[in-house]
Amino acid sequence: MGRSELWVNHGMNSFGFGEPIKCMNSLQTVYCSDSSNMTEVEDSSVHLIVTSPPYFNAKEYSKTPIFGDLGNTNSLEEWIEGTRKVWNECYRVLKPGRKAFINIMNLPVKTEGGSFRTLNLTGRVIDDCEETGFIFKRDIIWHKTNGVRAPFGTYPYPGGILINNMHEFILEFEKPSSRYEASRKYSHLSREIKDESKLDKNFWLQIKNTDVWTFAPHGSGGRRTHPAPFPLELPSRLIRAFTFKGETVLDPFLGSGTTLFSAAVLGRNGIGYEINPSIAAQAIVSLEAENVHHLDMETATDNSS
């Protein structure tokens, strides 16, 4: 069964939003709702958060305005207030001592004089998360091999060289823990799970040796079901490095489902919130299609042995 068949079988009004999807050896749950109130998720139940909030006033996330859709707001203060509510919820559901990673960039916007200024979204997010209670640990630079190309400006003359935007930030936060909580941080894990989650030396050093990560943005030249998806490599690195198999990953701005797909591939459970019904539905379709493909591959392997 292909993706198009899955789409037809569901229909846009009958998607299983909020119902766990069996995907490979994991459970993935997609909620089509506002993540500023994640009532479905229990306090201190999530082991890792990986997300990227929608770009403020820069992408068309839905043609028809959706209440609470931060990607379609024209107000910076509304965007800040909306994301602050989400960070509060993230703090509530994250386990003490565990991490949240937020992918974001400082956004250039045009000024009335025809020039531009850059909105310091990164600084605002750091301030808001610290006020929520998170500990800001560090920023990782995502160097994009195919970034935003700027015009040539005054070329070949000096004074007006416009520099290409080739990076974004991955902000690392941690929820504080007591000494007792820290001592029991991994007490729920069996020896078997720990062994299955071991990292090879090359990957360990790849994460440890530099805070500059280089890979291309997702969908360069390909068909994209979401205006600004991050590449699979981004959540995959974080999930593999900071969780064990069977643990739970949350993405409060799910988009096309990249985080949950990464979680499924790596044997982690996932929870995602996406306010746009069509994008949330496509995430479910993609997850179910990947599970069908996985089962087909397992069957083929069994038949050949």
Protein backbone atom coordinates (compact mmCIF):
# COMPACT_ATOMS: atom_id res chain seq x y z
CA MET A 1 0.00 0.00 0.00
CA GLY A 2 1.54 3.34 -1.05
CA ARG A 3 1.27 6.80 0.51
CA SER A 4 -1.51 7.89 -1.86
CA GLU A 5 -3.59 4.81 -0.93
CA LEU A 6 -3.13 5.51 2.76
CA TRP A 7 -4.29 9.09 2.18
CA VAL A 8 -7.44 7.92 0.33
CA ASN A 9 -8.26 5.27 2.93
CA HIS A 10 -8.13 7.78 5.77
CA GLY A 11 -9.83 10.80 4.28
CA MET A 12 -9.07 14.24 5.69
CA ASN A 13 -11.87 14.03 8.29
CA SER A 14 -11.06 10.60 9.72
CA PHE A 15 -7.39 10.79 10.67
CA GLY A 16 -6.41 9.19 13.96
CA PHE A 17 -5.14 12.33 15.64
CA GLY A 18 -4.13 11.46 19.20
CA GLU A 19 -4.08 7.72 18.51
CA PRO A 20 -0.68 6.00 18.84
CA ILE A 21 0.67 4.83 15.49
CA LYS A 22 2.72 1.67 15.41
CA CYS A 23 5.76 2.64 13.37
CA MET A 24 8.59 0.15 13.15
CA ASN A 25 9.34 -0.78 16.78
CA SER A 26 7.90 2.35 18.36
CA LEU A 27 4.69 4.27 19.04
CA GLN A 28 4.23 7.71 17.49
CA THR A 29 1.34 10.01 18.44
CA VAL A 30 0.28 13.12 16.50
CA TYR A 31 -2.05 15.70 18.06
CA CYS A 32 -3.66 18.25 15.78
CA SER A 33 -3.90 21.06 18.30
CA ASP A 34 -2.17 24.04 19.88
CA SER A 35 0.92 23.03 21.86
CA SER A 36 0.50 25.90 24.31
CA ASN A 37 -1.73 23.54 26.30
CA MET A 38 -0.49 19.95 26.00
CA THR A 39 -3.01 18.44 28.42
CA GLU A 40 -2.54 14.98 26.89
CA VAL A 41 1.07 14.80 28.12
CA GLU A 42 1.74 14.08 31.79
CA ASP A 43 4.10 16.12 33.96
CA SER A 44 7.75 15.04 33.79
CA SER A 45 7.07 12.25 31.30
CA VAL A 46 9.19 13.22 28.27
CA HIS A 47 12.88 12.33 27.93
CA LEU A 48 13.86 14.77 25.14
CA ILE A 49 12.37 17.72 23.26
CA VAL A 50 13.50 18.55 19.72
CA THR A 51 11.68 21.28 17.82
CA SER A 52 11.84 24.28 15.54
CA PRO A 53 9.18 26.99 16.01
CA PRO A 54 7.58 28.40 12.85
CA TYR A 55 9.37 31.37 11.32
CA PHE A 56 7.76 34.63 12.36
CA ASN A 57 5.94 36.27 9.42
CA ALA A 58 8.18 34.57 6.87
CA LYS A 59 6.44 31.42 5.60
CA GLU A 60 2.92 30.58 4.46
CA TYR A 61 2.03 27.74 6.80
CA SER A 62 -1.70 27.77 6.03
CA LYS A 63 -3.69 29.65 3.39
CA THR A 64 -6.67 30.00 5.73
CA PRO A 65 -5.73 31.60 9.07
CA ILE A 66 -5.80 29.18 12.00
CA PHE A 67 -6.24 30.55 15.51
CA GLY A 68 -3.01 30.07 17.43
CA ASP A 69 -0.90 29.40 14.32
CA LEU A 70 2.31 31.26 15.19
CA GLY A 71 3.67 30.89 11.66
CA ASN A 72 1.03 33.20 10.24
CA THR A 73 1.10 35.99 12.79
CA ASN A 74 2.23 39.47 11.77
CA SER A 75 2.94 40.51 15.35
CA LEU A 76 6.35 39.82 16.85
CA GLU A 77 4.97 40.26 20.36
CA GLU A 78 2.18 37.77 19.61
CA TRP A 79 4.80 35.29 18.36
CA ILE A 80 6.92 35.77 21.50
CA GLU A 81 3.92 35.39 23.80
CA GLY A 82 2.76 32.29 21.93
CA THR A 83 6.13 30.55 21.99
CA ARG A 84 6.59 31.45 25.67
CA LYS A 85 3.44 29.48 26.49
CA VAL A 86 4.82 26.50 24.57
CA TRP A 87 8.15 26.68 26.43
CA ASN A 88 6.23 26.69 29.73
CA GLU A 89 4.46 23.49 28.69
CA CYS A 90 7.72 21.95 27.51
CA TYR A 91 9.22 22.63 30.93
CA ARG A 92 6.25 20.98 32.62
CA VAL A 93 6.33 17.74 30.61
CA LEU A 94 10.13 17.28 30.44
CA LYS A 95 11.75 15.02 33.02
CA PRO A 96 14.23 16.70 35.41
CA GLY A 97 17.80 16.51 34.18
CA ARG A 98 16.74 15.94 30.56
CA LYS A 99 17.27 18.23 27.58
CA ALA A 100 15.34 20.38 25.12
CA PHE A 101 16.84 21.48 21.80
CA ILE A 102 15.32 24.38 19.87
CA ASN A 103 16.36 25.07 16.28
CA ILE A 104 15.95 28.75 15.40
CA MET A 105 17.53 31.55 13.39
CA ASN A 106 17.70 35.31 13.74
CA LEU A 107 15.31 36.59 11.10
CA PRO A 108 16.07 39.43 8.65
CA VAL A 109 13.05 41.66 7.97
CA LYS A 110 12.64 44.64 5.65
CA THR A 111 12.53 48.16 7.05
CA GLU A 112 10.49 51.10 5.79
CA GLY A 113 13.59 52.62 4.21
CA GLY A 114 14.08 49.62 1.94
CA SER A 115 16.94 48.14 3.95
CA PHE A 116 16.63 45.38 6.57
CA ARG A 117 17.15 44.65 10.23
CA THR A 118 17.58 41.33 12.00
CA LEU A 119 15.17 40.21 14.70
CA ASN A 120 17.04 38.68 17.63
CA LEU A 121 14.70 35.71 18.01
CA THR A 122 17.50 33.56 19.41
CA GLY A 123 18.10 35.92 22.31
CA ARG A 124 14.39 36.21 23.04
CA VAL A 125 13.95 32.44 23.12
CA ILE A 126 16.93 32.02 25.46
CA ASP A 127 15.58 34.71 27.81
CA ASP A 128 12.07 33.24 27.79
CA CYS A 129 13.25 29.68 28.41
CA GLU A 130 15.49 30.80 31.28
CA GLU A 131 12.57 32.70 32.82
CA THR A 132 10.52 29.50 32.52
CA GLY A 133 13.15 27.67 34.58
CA PHE A 134 15.34 26.01 31.97
CA ILE A 135 19.13 26.12 32.22
CA PHE A 136 20.68 27.39 28.98
CA LYS A 137 23.63 25.09 28.29
CA ARG A 138 25.04 26.12 24.90
CA ASP A 139 24.28 26.89 21.29
CA ILE A 140 25.23 24.61 18.42
CA ILE A 141 25.80 26.22 15.04
CA TRP A 142 24.07 24.48 12.16
CA HIS A 143 26.14 25.42 9.11
CA LYS A 144 23.87 25.00 6.09
CA THR A 145 25.65 23.94 2.92
CA ASN A 146 22.76 25.43 0.95
CA GLY A 147 21.69 28.50 2.89
CA VAL A 148 19.89 31.74 2.00
CA ARG A 149 21.75 33.55 -0.76
CA ALA A 150 21.83 37.33 -0.46
CA PRO A 151 21.79 39.73 -3.46
CA PHE A 152 25.14 40.96 -4.78
CA GLY A 153 24.59 44.44 -3.38
CA THR A 154 27.10 47.03 -4.65
CA TYR A 155 29.35 44.50 -6.46
CA PRO A 156 32.07 45.09 -7.59
CA TYR A 157 32.36 48.17 -5.36
CA PRO A 158 32.87 48.16 -1.57
CA GLY A 159 30.40 49.31 1.03
CA GLY A 160 27.39 47.17 0.25
CA ILE A 161 28.41 43.53 0.38
CA LEU A 162 25.41 41.48 1.54
CA ILE A 163 26.57 38.35 3.36
CA ASN A 164 24.82 35.04 2.70
CA ASN A 165 22.89 33.58 5.63
CA MET A 166 24.46 30.12 6.02
CA HIS A 167 23.70 29.18 9.62
CA GLU A 168 21.01 28.60 12.20
CA PHE A 169 21.20 27.89 15.92
CA ILE A 170 20.36 24.75 17.86
CA LEU A 171 19.84 25.93 21.44
CA GLU A 172 20.42 23.39 24.21
CA PHE A 173 18.44 23.68 27.45
CA GLU A 174 18.18 21.42 30.48
CA LYS A 175 15.48 21.10 33.11
CA PRO A 176 17.09 21.36 36.58
CA SER A 177 17.09 18.30 38.81
CA SER A 178 17.66 17.71 42.51
CA ARG A 179 20.57 15.57 43.67
CA TYR A 180 18.13 12.71 44.26
CA GLU A 181 16.55 13.10 40.81
CA ALA A 182 19.98 13.21 39.20
CA SER A 183 20.97 9.97 40.93
CA ARG A 184 17.90 8.23 39.48
CA LYS A 185 18.08 9.78 36.02
CA TYR A 186 18.69 6.46 34.26
CA SER A 187 17.42 4.05 36.93
CA HIS A 188 14.49 2.95 34.72
CA LEU A 189 16.83 1.51 32.09
CA SER A 190 17.70 -2.16 31.91
CA ARG A 191 21.20 -3.36 31.04
CA GLU A 192 19.77 -4.66 27.76
CA ILE A 193 18.39 -1.25 26.76
CA LYS A 194 21.64 0.47 27.70
CA ASP A 195 23.60 -1.96 25.56
CA GLU A 196 21.20 -1.56 22.61
CA SER A 197 21.59 2.23 22.85
CA LYS A 198 25.39 2.29 22.92
CA LEU A 199 27.09 4.83 20.66
CA ASP A 200 30.01 3.93 18.46
CA LYS A 201 33.22 5.90 18.94
CA ASN A 202 32.98 7.80 15.64
CA PHE A 203 29.48 9.13 16.44
CA TRP A 204 30.47 9.99 20.01
CA LEU A 205 33.43 12.04 18.78
CA GLN A 206 31.32 13.64 16.05
CA ILE A 207 29.02 15.04 18.73
CA LYS A 208 31.75 15.84 21.26
CA ASN A 209 34.46 17.44 19.14
CA THR A 210 32.64 20.42 17.64
CA ASP A 211 29.64 22.65 18.19
CA VAL A 212 29.42 23.40 14.46
CA TRP A 213 27.34 20.87 12.53
CA THR A 214 27.37 20.96 8.75
CA PHE A 215 24.58 19.53 6.60
CA ALA A 216 22.15 20.74 3.94
CA PRO A 217 18.61 21.96 4.68
CA HIS A 218 15.83 19.51 3.89
CA GLY A 219 14.05 19.56 0.55
CA SER A 220 16.53 21.51 -1.55
CA GLY A 221 14.92 21.10 -4.95
CA GLY A 222 12.55 18.33 -3.86
CA ARG A 223 8.80 18.30 -3.17
CA ARG A 224 8.14 19.65 0.31
CA THR A 225 4.94 19.03 2.29
CA HIS A 226 5.86 21.73 4.84
CA PRO A 227 7.33 25.19 4.19
CA ALA A 228 10.37 24.89 6.48
CA PRO A 229 11.21 21.34 7.52
CA PHE A 230 14.60 20.73 9.10
CA PRO A 231 16.76 17.90 7.75
CA LEU A 232 16.46 14.37 9.10
CA GLU A 233 20.08 14.53 10.29
CA LEU A 234 19.27 17.23 12.86
CA PRO A 235 16.78 15.37 15.09
CA SER A 236 18.49 12.04 14.41
CA ARG A 237 21.78 13.24 15.92
CA LEU A 238 20.06 14.67 18.98
CA ILE A 239 17.77 11.70 19.59
CA ARG A 240 20.58 9.20 19.23
CA ALA A 241 22.95 11.21 21.43
CA PHE A 242 20.58 12.14 24.27
CA THR A 243 18.04 9.32 24.63
CA PHE A 244 17.92 5.56 25.07
CA LYS A 245 15.76 3.16 23.08
CA GLY A 246 12.16 3.09 24.27
CA GLU A 247 12.27 6.62 25.70
CA THR A 248 9.92 9.39 24.54
CA VAL A 249 10.71 12.38 22.32
CA LEU A 250 8.41 15.42 21.99
CA ASP A 251 8.15 17.94 19.16
CA PRO A 252 5.61 20.70 19.99
CA PHE A 253 5.92 22.18 16.47
CA LEU A 254 5.82 18.92 14.53
CA GLY A 255 5.37 20.15 10.98
CA SER A 256 5.80 17.36 8.45
CA GLY A 257 6.87 14.85 11.10
CA THR A 258 10.65 14.68 10.71
CA THR A 259 11.27 14.38 14.46
CA LEU A 260 8.83 11.49 14.89
CA PHE A 261 10.19 9.69 11.85
CA SER A 262 13.70 9.99 13.33
CA ALA A 263 12.41 8.71 16.66
CA ALA A 264 10.75 5.72 14.99
CA VAL A 265 13.86 4.77 13.03
CA LEU A 266 15.91 4.91 16.25
CA GLY A 267 13.41 2.92 18.33
CA ARG A 268 12.16 5.82 20.44
CA ASN A 269 8.51 6.73 21.02
CA GLY A 270 7.36 10.14 19.87
CA ILE A 271 4.70 12.77 20.53
CA GLY A 272 4.08 15.62 18.12
CA TYR A 273 1.77 18.63 18.06
CA GLU A 274 0.82 20.31 14.77
CA ILE A 275 -1.91 22.93 14.59
CA ASN A 276 -2.45 22.73 10.81
CA PRO A 277 -4.74 19.75 9.99
CA SER A 278 -3.40 19.13 6.49
CA ILE A 279 0.24 19.13 7.65
CA ALA A 280 -0.59 16.95 10.68
CA ALA A 281 -2.46 14.52 8.42
CA GLN A 282 0.50 14.28 6.07
CA ALA A 283 2.75 13.47 9.04
CA ILE A 284 0.46 10.55 9.93
CA VAL A 285 0.36 9.36 6.32
CA SER A 286 4.16 9.43 6.13
CA LEU A 287 4.59 7.53 9.40
CA GLU A 288 2.08 4.84 8.41
CA ALA A 289 3.61 4.51 4.96
CA GLU A 290 7.06 4.05 6.47
CA ASN A 291 5.68 1.38 8.80
CA VAL A 292 4.13 -0.48 5.85
CA HIS A 293 7.47 -0.29 4.05
CA HIS A 294 9.26 -1.56 7.17
CA LEU A 295 6.87 -4.53 7.48
CA ASP A 296 7.27 -5.33 3.78
CA MET A 297 11.04 -5.34 4.20
CA GLU A 298 10.80 -7.63 7.26
CA THR A 299 8.53 -10.03 5.34
CA ALA A 300 10.91 -10.08 2.39
CA THR A 301 13.83 -10.81 4.71
CA ASP A 302 11.94 -13.64 6.44
CA ASN A 303 10.94 -15.18 3.10
CA SER A 304 14.50 -15.11 1.82
CA SER A 305 15.95 -16.85 4.87
